[in-house]
Amino acid sequence: MSVGILVITHSQIGQAIMDTACSMLTQCPLDVEILPIPQDSDPERQAARAHDLVHKLNRGDGVLVLTDMYGSTPSNIASRLLDPEGRVQVVAGVNLPMFIRVMNYPHLNLEELTAKALSGGHDGIMACRPSVEG
């Protein structure tokens, strides 16, 4: 078994990240579902869809939910999925380095994969500087 991944983002951001990452890696080693949240959608209806997707993805090892901007509608929906038993973890701020890091460690448990998501997102953000030729 392995951890399932649910990506909840504004519009098609999640799909674009997944398509790009899986193209770069040539496959997606974990089960991934994408839940795009359109601007005019009903949050209650989307929350019900998210719960259904968590049940579909959880095959015993839990689900890591990646969402885009903390405090936004997708993030709020994702936060509603958290449970006291810790079978669902949520990380906000999904980006391509985070997603690729997660896909590179399909054998990790939910806690370890959550830590990899955080480090991938953090380590993937850098200020680019001009090179100095000399």
N, C-alpha and C. Protein backbone atom coordinates (compact mmCIF):
# COMPACT_ATOMS: atom_id res chain seq x y z
N MET A 1 0.84 -1.19 0.00
CA MET A 1 0.00 0.00 0.00
C MET A 1 0.88 1.24 0.00
N SER A 2 0.26 2.37 -0.33
CA SER A 2 0.99 3.63 -0.31
C SER A 2 0.02 4.76 0.00
N VAL A 3 0.58 5.90 0.30
CA VAL A 3 -0.20 7.10 0.61
C VAL A 3 -0.85 7.61 -0.67
N GLY A 4 -2.11 8.02 -0.56
CA GLY A 4 -2.79 8.66 -1.68
C GLY A 4 -2.56 10.16 -1.64
N ILE A 5 -2.60 10.80 -2.80
CA ILE A 5 -2.38 12.24 -2.89
C ILE A 5 -3.62 12.89 -3.48
N LEU A 6 -4.14 13.90 -2.77
CA LEU A 6 -5.24 14.70 -3.27
C LEU A 6 -4.75 16.13 -3.42
N VAL A 7 -4.92 16.69 -4.59
CA VAL A 7 -4.49 18.06 -4.86
C VAL A 7 -5.74 18.91 -5.07
N ILE A 8 -5.91 19.91 -4.20
CA ILE A 8 -7.07 20.80 -4.26
C ILE A 8 -6.55 22.21 -4.50
N THR A 9 -6.88 22.76 -5.67
CA THR A 9 -6.37 24.08 -6.03
C THR A 9 -7.42 24.90 -6.77
N HIS A 10 -7.12 26.18 -6.88
CA HIS A 10 -7.92 27.05 -7.73
C HIS A 10 -7.82 26.55 -9.17
N SER A 11 -8.94 26.54 -9.84
CA SER A 11 -9.00 26.24 -11.27
C SER A 11 -8.15 25.03 -11.63
N GLN A 12 -7.30 25.15 -12.62
CA GLN A 12 -6.54 24.01 -13.15
C GLN A 12 -5.08 23.98 -12.70
N ILE A 13 -4.74 24.71 -11.63
CA ILE A 13 -3.36 24.75 -11.15
C ILE A 13 -2.87 23.35 -10.80
N GLY A 14 -3.66 22.61 -10.06
CA GLY A 14 -3.26 21.26 -9.64
C GLY A 14 -3.04 20.32 -10.81
N GLN A 15 -3.92 20.38 -11.79
CA GLN A 15 -3.78 19.52 -12.97
C GLN A 15 -2.50 19.86 -13.72
N ALA A 16 -2.20 21.15 -13.85
CA ALA A 16 -0.99 21.57 -14.55
C ALA A 16 0.26 21.10 -13.82
N ILE A 17 0.27 21.21 -12.50
CA ILE A 17 1.42 20.74 -11.72
C ILE A 17 1.59 19.24 -11.87
N MET A 18 0.50 18.49 -11.76
CA MET A 18 0.60 17.04 -11.88
C MET A 18 1.04 16.64 -13.28
N ASP A 19 0.46 17.23 -14.32
CA ASP A 19 0.83 16.87 -15.69
C ASP A 19 2.31 17.15 -15.94
N THR A 20 2.78 18.28 -15.47
CA THR A 20 4.19 18.64 -15.67
C THR A 20 5.11 17.69 -14.92
N ALA A 21 4.81 17.44 -13.66
CA ALA A 21 5.65 16.55 -12.85
C ALA A 21 5.68 15.14 -13.42
N CYS A 22 4.54 14.61 -13.77
CA CYS A 22 4.48 13.24 -14.28
C CYS A 22 5.16 13.12 -15.63
N SER A 23 5.13 14.19 -16.41
CA SER A 23 5.86 14.21 -17.68
C SER A 23 7.37 14.19 -17.43
N MET A 24 7.81 14.97 -16.45
CA MET A 24 9.23 15.02 -16.12
C MET A 24 9.72 13.68 -15.55
N LEU A 25 8.89 13.05 -14.74
CA LEU A 25 9.25 11.79 -14.09
C LEU A 25 8.93 10.57 -14.94
N THR A 26 8.21 10.75 -16.01
CA THR A 26 7.70 9.72 -16.93
C THR A 26 6.59 8.86 -16.34
N GLN A 27 6.25 9.07 -15.07
CA GLN A 27 5.13 8.37 -14.44
C GLN A 27 4.77 9.05 -13.12
N CYS A 28 3.63 8.71 -12.59
CA CYS A 28 3.25 9.16 -11.24
C CYS A 28 3.19 7.91 -10.37
N PRO A 29 4.15 7.74 -9.48
CA PRO A 29 4.24 6.51 -8.69
C PRO A 29 3.22 6.40 -7.57
N LEU A 30 2.49 7.46 -7.27
CA LEU A 30 1.45 7.42 -6.24
C LEU A 30 0.10 7.69 -6.88
N ASP A 31 -0.97 7.19 -6.24
CA ASP A 31 -2.31 7.49 -6.71
C ASP A 31 -2.62 8.95 -6.42
N VAL A 32 -3.00 9.69 -7.46
CA VAL A 32 -3.26 11.11 -7.35
C VAL A 32 -4.65 11.42 -7.90
N GLU A 33 -5.37 12.25 -7.17
CA GLU A 33 -6.63 12.81 -7.65
C GLU A 33 -6.52 14.32 -7.57
N ILE A 34 -7.10 14.98 -8.55
CA ILE A 34 -7.08 16.45 -8.61
C ILE A 34 -8.51 16.96 -8.42
N LEU A 35 -8.66 17.93 -7.54
CA LEU A 35 -9.96 18.58 -7.34
C LEU A 35 -9.79 20.07 -7.62
N PRO A 36 -10.17 20.49 -8.85
CA PRO A 36 -10.10 21.91 -9.17
C PRO A 36 -11.30 22.64 -8.57
N ILE A 37 -11.06 23.80 -8.00
CA ILE A 37 -12.13 24.58 -7.39
C ILE A 37 -12.36 25.82 -8.25
N PRO A 38 -13.42 25.83 -9.07
CA PRO A 38 -13.72 27.02 -9.87
C PRO A 38 -14.13 28.19 -8.97
N GLN A 39 -13.91 29.38 -9.46
CA GLN A 39 -14.21 30.60 -8.70
C GLN A 39 -15.65 30.65 -8.20
N ASP A 40 -16.58 30.19 -9.01
CA ASP A 40 -18.00 30.32 -8.67
C ASP A 40 -18.61 29.04 -8.10
N SER A 41 -17.78 28.12 -7.60
CA SER A 41 -18.30 26.85 -7.11
C SER A 41 -18.87 26.96 -5.70
N ASP A 42 -19.71 26.00 -5.37
CA ASP A 42 -20.31 25.91 -4.04
C ASP A 42 -19.33 25.17 -3.11
N PRO A 43 -18.78 25.85 -2.10
CA PRO A 43 -17.79 25.21 -1.21
C PRO A 43 -18.31 23.95 -0.53
N GLU A 44 -19.58 23.92 -0.17
CA GLU A 44 -20.13 22.72 0.49
C GLU A 44 -20.14 21.52 -0.45
N ARG A 45 -20.50 21.77 -1.67
CA ARG A 45 -20.52 20.69 -2.66
C ARG A 45 -19.09 20.20 -2.95
N GLN A 46 -18.15 21.14 -3.03
CA GLN A 46 -16.76 20.77 -3.27
C GLN A 46 -16.17 20.02 -2.07
N ALA A 47 -16.57 20.40 -0.87
CA ALA A 47 -16.11 19.70 0.33
C ALA A 47 -16.60 18.25 0.32
N ALA A 48 -17.82 18.04 -0.11
CA ALA A 48 -18.36 16.67 -0.21
C ALA A 48 -17.57 15.87 -1.24
N ARG A 49 -17.24 16.49 -2.36
CA ARG A 49 -16.42 15.81 -3.38
C ARG A 49 -15.04 15.46 -2.81
N ALA A 50 -14.47 16.38 -2.04
CA ALA A 50 -13.15 16.15 -1.44
C ALA A 50 -13.20 14.96 -0.49
N HIS A 51 -14.24 14.88 0.34
CA HIS A 51 -14.39 13.74 1.27
C HIS A 51 -14.47 12.44 0.49
N ASP A 52 -15.24 12.43 -0.60
CA ASP A 52 -15.35 11.23 -1.43
C ASP A 52 -13.99 10.81 -2.00
N LEU A 53 -13.21 11.80 -2.45
CA LEU A 53 -11.90 11.50 -3.02
C LEU A 53 -10.94 10.97 -1.96
N VAL A 54 -11.00 11.49 -0.74
CA VAL A 54 -10.16 10.98 0.34
C VAL A 54 -10.49 9.52 0.61
N HIS A 55 -11.78 9.19 0.65
CA HIS A 55 -12.17 7.79 0.88
C HIS A 55 -11.69 6.89 -0.26
N LYS A 56 -11.74 7.39 -1.47
CA LYS A 56 -11.27 6.62 -2.63
C LYS A 56 -9.76 6.39 -2.56
N LEU A 57 -9.00 7.42 -2.16
CA LEU A 57 -7.55 7.34 -2.16
C LEU A 57 -6.96 6.60 -0.97
N ASN A 58 -7.67 6.58 0.16
CA ASN A 58 -7.11 5.99 1.37
C ASN A 58 -7.28 4.48 1.35
N ARG A 59 -6.17 3.81 1.10
CA ARG A 59 -6.18 2.35 1.08
C ARG A 59 -5.51 1.78 2.32
N GLY A 60 -5.50 2.61 3.38
CA GLY A 60 -4.95 2.16 4.65
C GLY A 60 -3.73 2.93 5.12
N ASP A 61 -3.06 3.63 4.21
CA ASP A 61 -1.84 4.37 4.57
C ASP A 61 -2.06 5.87 4.69
N GLY A 62 -3.28 6.32 4.48
CA GLY A 62 -3.60 7.73 4.63
C GLY A 62 -3.54 8.50 3.33
N VAL A 63 -3.83 9.80 3.45
CA VAL A 63 -3.89 10.69 2.29
C VAL A 63 -3.17 11.98 2.63
N LEU A 64 -2.32 12.41 1.72
CA LEU A 64 -1.67 13.71 1.81
C LEU A 64 -2.42 14.65 0.87
N VAL A 65 -2.95 15.73 1.43
CA VAL A 65 -3.68 16.71 0.64
C VAL A 65 -2.77 17.91 0.43
N LEU A 66 -2.55 18.24 -0.83
CA LEU A 66 -1.75 19.41 -1.20
C LEU A 66 -2.70 20.46 -1.76
N THR A 67 -2.58 21.68 -1.27
CA THR A 67 -3.46 22.75 -1.71
C THR A 67 -2.63 23.98 -2.01
N ASP A 68 -3.22 24.94 -2.70
CA ASP A 68 -2.39 26.06 -3.14
C ASP A 68 -2.21 27.14 -2.07
N MET A 69 -3.05 28.09 -1.96
CA MET A 69 -2.82 29.24 -1.09
C MET A 69 -3.54 29.09 0.25
N TYR A 70 -2.77 29.13 1.33
CA TYR A 70 -3.34 29.00 2.67
C TYR A 70 -4.39 30.08 2.90
N GLY A 71 -5.52 29.69 3.46
CA GLY A 71 -6.60 30.61 3.78
C GLY A 71 -7.60 30.82 2.66
N SER A 72 -7.32 30.26 1.50
CA SER A 72 -8.23 30.38 0.36
C SER A 72 -9.30 29.28 0.42
N THR A 73 -10.26 29.34 -0.47
CA THR A 73 -11.32 28.33 -0.50
C THR A 73 -10.76 26.91 -0.65
N PRO A 74 -9.84 26.64 -1.60
CA PRO A 74 -9.30 25.28 -1.67
C PRO A 74 -8.62 24.84 -0.37
N SER A 75 -7.88 25.73 0.24
CA SER A 75 -7.21 25.43 1.51
C SER A 75 -8.21 25.17 2.62
N ASN A 76 -9.27 25.96 2.66
CA ASN A 76 -10.30 25.77 3.68
C ASN A 76 -11.01 24.43 3.50
N ILE A 77 -11.27 24.06 2.27
CA ILE A 77 -11.87 22.75 1.99
C ILE A 77 -10.91 21.64 2.43
N ALA A 78 -9.64 21.79 2.10
CA ALA A 78 -8.64 20.79 2.48
C ALA A 78 -8.55 20.64 4.00
N SER A 79 -8.59 21.75 4.71
CA SER A 79 -8.49 21.71 6.18
C SER A 79 -9.65 20.98 6.82
N ARG A 80 -10.79 20.98 6.17
CA ARG A 80 -11.95 20.26 6.69
C ARG A 80 -11.78 18.75 6.61
N LEU A 81 -10.79 18.30 5.86
CA LEU A 81 -10.55 16.87 5.71
C LEU A 81 -9.69 16.28 6.83
N LEU A 82 -9.04 17.14 7.60
CA LEU A 82 -8.20 16.66 8.70
C LEU A 82 -9.02 15.85 9.69
N ASP A 83 -8.43 14.79 10.21
CA ASP A 83 -9.13 13.97 11.20
C ASP A 83 -8.24 13.79 12.43
N PRO A 84 -8.85 13.51 13.58
CA PRO A 84 -8.08 13.36 14.82
C PRO A 84 -7.09 12.20 14.80
N GLU A 85 -7.34 11.19 13.99
CA GLU A 85 -6.45 10.03 13.93
C GLU A 85 -5.22 10.28 13.06
N GLY A 86 -5.17 11.40 12.36
CA GLY A 86 -4.01 11.73 11.53
C GLY A 86 -3.91 10.96 10.23
N ARG A 87 -5.03 10.44 9.75
CA ARG A 87 -5.01 9.69 8.49
C ARG A 87 -4.96 10.62 7.28
N VAL A 88 -5.19 11.91 7.52
CA VAL A 88 -5.13 12.91 6.46
C VAL A 88 -4.22 14.04 6.94
N GLN A 89 -3.24 14.39 6.12
CA GLN A 89 -2.36 15.51 6.39
C GLN A 89 -2.59 16.54 5.28
N VAL A 90 -2.49 17.82 5.60
CA VAL A 90 -2.69 18.88 4.62
C VAL A 90 -1.47 19.79 4.62
N VAL A 91 -0.98 20.08 3.41
CA VAL A 91 0.12 21.03 3.22
C VAL A 91 -0.34 22.06 2.20
N ALA A 92 -0.28 23.34 2.59
CA ALA A 92 -0.64 24.43 1.70
C ALA A 92 0.61 24.98 1.04
N GLY A 93 0.43 25.59 -0.12
CA GLY A 93 1.54 26.20 -0.85
C GLY A 93 2.12 25.28 -1.90
N VAL A 94 1.31 24.37 -2.43
CA VAL A 94 1.83 23.40 -3.40
C VAL A 94 2.51 24.11 -4.57
N ASN A 95 3.64 23.55 -4.96
CA ASN A 95 4.35 24.04 -6.14
C ASN A 95 5.00 22.84 -6.82
N LEU A 96 5.60 23.06 -7.97
CA LEU A 96 6.18 21.95 -8.72
C LEU A 96 7.30 21.24 -7.97
N PRO A 97 8.25 21.96 -7.33
CA PRO A 97 9.28 21.23 -6.57
C PRO A 97 8.71 20.37 -5.45
N MET A 98 7.67 20.85 -4.78
CA MET A 98 7.03 20.08 -3.71
C MET A 98 6.42 18.80 -4.29
N PHE A 99 5.69 18.94 -5.37
CA PHE A 99 5.01 17.79 -5.94
C PHE A 99 6.01 16.75 -6.44
N ILE A 100 7.07 17.20 -7.10
CA ILE A 100 8.08 16.26 -7.58
C ILE A 100 8.76 15.56 -6.40
N ARG A 101 9.05 16.28 -5.34
CA ARG A 101 9.66 15.67 -4.15
C ARG A 101 8.76 14.56 -3.62
N VAL A 102 7.48 14.83 -3.51
CA VAL A 102 6.53 13.82 -3.02
C VAL A 102 6.53 12.60 -3.94
N MET A 103 6.50 12.81 -5.24
CA MET A 103 6.46 11.69 -6.18
C MET A 103 7.74 10.86 -6.15
N ASN A 104 8.85 11.46 -5.72
CA ASN A 104 10.12 10.74 -5.66
C ASN A 104 10.25 9.84 -4.43
N TYR A 105 9.30 9.91 -3.52
CA TYR A 105 9.39 9.11 -2.29
C TYR A 105 8.09 8.32 -2.05
N PRO A 106 7.68 7.49 -3.00
CA PRO A 106 6.40 6.79 -2.85
C PRO A 106 6.37 5.75 -1.73
N HIS A 107 7.53 5.34 -1.24
CA HIS A 107 7.61 4.31 -0.21
C HIS A 107 7.46 4.86 1.22
N LEU A 108 7.47 6.19 1.37
CA LEU A 108 7.40 6.77 2.72
C LEU A 108 6.00 6.71 3.29
N ASN A 109 5.91 6.74 4.63
CA ASN A 109 4.61 6.78 5.28
C ASN A 109 4.08 8.22 5.25
N LEU A 110 2.89 8.42 5.73
CA LEU A 110 2.23 9.71 5.63
C LEU A 110 3.01 10.82 6.33
N GLU A 111 3.49 10.57 7.53
CA GLU A 111 4.25 11.58 8.27
C GLU A 111 5.53 11.95 7.52
N GLU A 112 6.24 10.95 7.05
CA GLU A 112 7.49 11.20 6.32
C GLU A 112 7.25 11.92 5.00
N LEU A 113 6.18 11.53 4.32
CA LEU A 113 5.86 12.16 3.04
C LEU A 113 5.44 13.62 3.24
N THR A 114 4.75 13.90 4.33
CA THR A 114 4.39 15.28 4.65
C THR A 114 5.65 16.12 4.86
N ALA A 115 6.62 15.56 5.56
CA ALA A 115 7.89 16.27 5.78
C ALA A 115 8.61 16.50 4.45
N LYS A 116 8.58 15.53 3.56
CA LYS A 116 9.21 15.70 2.23
C LYS A 116 8.50 16.79 1.44
N ALA A 117 7.18 16.85 1.54
CA ALA A 117 6.43 17.90 0.84
C ALA A 117 6.87 19.27 1.34
N LEU A 118 6.96 19.42 2.64
CA LEU A 118 7.38 20.70 3.22
C LEU A 118 8.80 21.07 2.80
N SER A 119 9.71 20.11 2.86
CA SER A 119 11.09 20.43 2.48
C SER A 119 11.20 20.70 0.98
N GLY A 120 10.45 19.97 0.18
CA GLY A 120 10.48 20.21 -1.27
C GLY A 120 9.97 21.59 -1.64
N GLY A 121 8.89 22.01 -0.99
CA GLY A 121 8.37 23.34 -1.24
C GLY A 121 9.34 24.41 -0.79
N HIS A 122 9.86 24.24 0.42
CA HIS A 122 10.80 25.21 0.99
C HIS A 122 12.09 25.29 0.19
N ASP A 123 12.70 24.15 -0.07
CA ASP A 123 13.99 24.11 -0.77
C ASP A 123 13.88 24.50 -2.24
N GLY A 124 12.68 24.45 -2.79
CA GLY A 124 12.48 24.79 -4.20
C GLY A 124 12.28 26.27 -4.45
N ILE A 125 12.28 27.09 -3.39
CA ILE A 125 12.10 28.53 -3.54
C ILE A 125 13.45 29.20 -3.33
N MET A 126 13.92 29.90 -4.34
CA MET A 126 15.23 30.53 -4.28
C MET A 126 15.20 31.87 -4.99
N ALA A 127 16.03 32.77 -4.56
CA ALA A 127 16.25 34.01 -5.29
C ALA A 127 17.33 33.75 -6.32
N CYS A 128 17.04 34.01 -7.56
CA CYS A 128 18.02 33.79 -8.62
C CYS A 128 18.89 35.04 -8.77
N ARG A 129 20.17 34.82 -8.87
CA ARG A 129 21.14 35.92 -8.98
C ARG A 129 21.90 35.78 -10.30
N PRO A 130 22.34 36.90 -10.86
CA PRO A 130 23.14 36.80 -12.08
C PRO A 130 24.48 36.14 -11.77
N SER A 131 24.97 35.40 -12.72
CA SER A 131 26.28 34.76 -12.50
C SER A 131 27.38 35.80 -12.70
N VAL A 132 28.42 35.61 -11.98
CA VAL A 132 29.57 36.51 -12.06
C VAL A 132 30.63 35.83 -12.90
N GLU A 133 30.95 36.44 -14.01
CA GLU A 133 31.98 35.86 -14.87
C GLU A 133 33.30 36.54 -14.58
N GLY A 134 34.33 35.81 -14.56
CA GLY A 134 35.60 36.44 -14.22
C GLY A 134 36.72 35.71 -14.68
